[in-house]
Protein backbone atom coordinates (compact mmCIF):
# COMPACT_ATOMS: atom_id res chain seq x y z
CA MET A 1 273.30 122.64 199.42
CA THR A 2 272.72 120.00 201.63
CA GLU A 3 271.71 121.74 204.96
CA LEU A 4 270.08 125.08 206.18
CA ASP A 5 270.24 126.86 209.50
CA ILE A 6 267.38 127.98 211.02
CA THR A 7 267.77 131.84 210.13
CA GLU A 8 268.18 130.49 206.12
CA VAL A 9 264.94 128.33 206.52
CA ALA A 10 263.41 131.54 207.90
CA LYS A 11 264.34 134.27 205.65
CA ARG A 12 263.77 131.42 202.13
CA SER A 13 259.92 130.78 203.41
CA GLY A 14 259.04 133.76 205.26
CA VAL A 15 258.27 131.74 208.45
CA PRO A 16 259.63 133.24 211.46
CA ALA A 17 262.05 131.00 213.36
CA SER A 18 259.84 130.97 216.45
CA THR A 19 257.41 129.19 214.31
CA LEU A 20 260.23 126.61 212.82
CA ARG A 21 260.50 125.81 216.36
CA PHE A 22 257.15 125.50 217.69
CA TYR A 23 256.18 123.28 214.31
CA GLU A 24 259.61 120.93 215.41
CA GLU A 25 257.60 120.86 219.14
CA ARG A 26 255.14 119.80 216.98
CA GLY A 27 256.42 117.13 215.16
CA LEU A 28 255.70 119.09 211.67
CA LEU A 29 259.29 119.23 211.15
CA ALA A 30 262.46 117.70 212.24
CA SER A 31 266.22 119.01 212.32
CA ILE A 32 268.94 116.99 211.02
CA GLY A 33 271.34 118.70 213.61
CA ARG A 34 272.90 121.92 214.85
CA ARG A 35 275.70 124.37 214.00
CA GLY A 36 276.31 125.86 217.36
CA LEU A 37 273.24 127.11 218.98
CA ARG A 38 271.23 126.84 215.24
CA ARG A 39 269.24 124.12 214.23
CA LEU A 40 269.81 122.45 210.91
CA PHE A 41 267.24 121.56 208.43
CA GLY A 42 267.46 119.25 205.13
CA PRO A 43 266.30 121.38 201.60
CA GLU A 44 263.27 119.38 201.69
CA VAL A 45 262.23 121.86 204.61
CA LEU A 46 261.15 124.43 202.24
CA GLU A 47 258.76 122.00 200.39
CA ARG A 48 256.94 120.65 203.88
CA LEU A 49 256.75 124.16 204.88
CA ALA A 50 254.46 124.90 201.76
CA LEU A 51 252.56 121.93 202.29
CA ILE A 52 252.32 123.14 205.80
CA ALA A 53 250.92 126.39 204.60
CA MET A 54 249.02 124.96 202.10
CA GLY A 55 246.90 122.70 204.56
CA ARG A 56 246.38 125.75 207.17
CA ALA A 57 245.24 128.03 204.20
CA ALA A 58 242.97 125.39 203.36
CA GLY A 59 241.50 125.62 207.25
CA PHE A 60 243.25 122.11 208.45
CA SER A 61 244.45 122.40 211.91
CA LEU A 62 248.06 121.34 212.71
CA ASP A 63 247.07 118.00 213.87
CA GLU A 64 245.13 117.53 210.79
CA ILE A 65 248.54 118.61 208.89
CA ALA A 66 250.57 116.34 210.84
CA ARG A 67 248.64 113.53 210.18
CA MET A 68 249.16 114.07 206.42
CA PHE A 69 252.87 112.95 206.63
CA ALA A 70 254.15 109.44 207.21
CA PRO A 71 256.37 108.61 209.74
CA ASP A 72 259.23 109.03 207.03
CA GLY A 73 258.03 112.33 206.41
CA ARG A 74 256.83 112.06 203.13
CA PRO A 75 252.83 113.29 202.46
CA ARG A 76 250.59 110.91 203.07
CA ILE A 77 247.42 112.47 202.09
CA ASP A 78 244.09 111.63 202.89
CA ARG A 79 242.22 112.25 199.89
CA ARG A 80 238.57 111.66 201.89
CA MET A 81 239.75 114.29 204.01
CA LEU A 82 240.69 116.82 201.55
CA ALA A 83 237.04 115.74 199.94
CA THR A 84 235.56 116.74 203.11
CA GLN A 85 237.38 120.06 203.98
CA ALA A 86 236.37 120.94 200.07
CA GLU A 87 232.90 120.75 201.01
CA LYS A 88 233.58 122.40 204.27
CA LEU A 89 234.83 125.33 202.13
CA ASP A 90 232.19 125.43 199.67
CA LYS A 91 229.46 125.77 202.37
CA THR A 92 231.44 128.77 204.01
CA ILE A 93 231.76 130.06 200.61
CA ARG A 94 227.73 130.13 200.32
CA GLU A 95 227.60 131.60 203.82
CA LEU A 96 230.11 134.38 203.01
CA SER A 97 228.75 135.23 199.71
CA ALA A 98 225.11 135.21 201.15
CA MET A 99 226.36 138.06 203.98
CA ARG A 100 228.13 139.83 201.30
CA ASP A 101 224.98 139.95 199.17
CA GLY A 102 223.13 141.05 202.17
CA LEU A 103 225.50 143.93 203.02
CA ARG A 104 225.62 145.24 199.70
CA HIS A 105 221.86 145.29 199.77
CA ALA A 106 221.73 147.12 203.30
CA ALA A 107 224.54 149.60 202.02
CA ALA A 108 222.56 150.61 198.81
CA CYS A 109 218.74 150.00 200.55
CA PRO A 110 216.68 152.62 199.06
CA ALA A 111 213.94 152.87 202.07
CA PRO A 112 214.53 155.41 204.13
CA ASN A 113 214.86 152.86 207.11
CA HIS A 114 216.17 149.50 206.89
CA MET A 115 213.76 148.40 209.02
CA GLU A 116 210.83 149.39 206.56
CA CYS A 117 212.84 147.33 203.80
CA PRO A 118 211.33 143.93 203.42
CA THR A 119 214.60 142.47 201.91
CA PHE A 120 216.29 143.54 204.58
CA ARG A 121 213.73 142.30 207.19
CA ARG A 122 214.24 138.58 205.61
CA LEU A 123 217.85 138.98 206.06
CA LEU A 124 217.33 139.72 209.90
CA ARG A 125 215.17 136.62 210.19
CA GLY A 126 217.65 134.60 208.36
CA ALA A 127 220.23 135.75 210.59
CA ALA A 128 218.73 135.09 213.92
CA SER A 129 217.80 131.59 212.70
CA GLY A 130 221.31 130.94 211.82
CA ALA A 131 220.91 130.56 208.29
CA MET A 132 223.59 133.12 207.43
CA GLY A 133 225.82 130.85 209.16
CA ALA A 134 226.92 132.62 212.68
CA ARG A 135 230.57 131.40 212.38
CA ARG A 136 231.66 129.64 215.51
CA ARG A 137 235.12 130.54 216.91
CA ARG A 138 238.06 127.97 216.61
CA THR A 139 240.37 127.80 219.51
CA PRO A 140 243.35 129.44 218.53
CA GLN A 141 246.68 127.77 217.98
CA ARG A 142 250.05 128.94 218.23
CA PRO A 143 251.88 130.44 215.11
């Protein structure tokens, strides 16, 4: 099989055709031609989509992912950027773990009123100071 139309790529990858067109507009994918009105892609597009999905799952932006490909389409991954992202994920994991532990404590706290619980009050102080990692919202990107 040398070419896949956009419908087949969408079916095999689970990525909607609208997203495939958007990725092409952003330069993440390149069609190799058309059959009628349908875009055609080489079979390597499925592996590329898997790399894009992995990058998105790891928290990279589409612009960052685009920079991970050389002009010829082959992966060109900056290991330092991967290490930096791993550190960010470690920080997020620590923050989310602290939040989870605080919620579990609050749910099972034996104090008659949460405001009487020293542990809960410490958690409140941590949240107020930003120590629990109030998460900044990123500007959402299209699919």
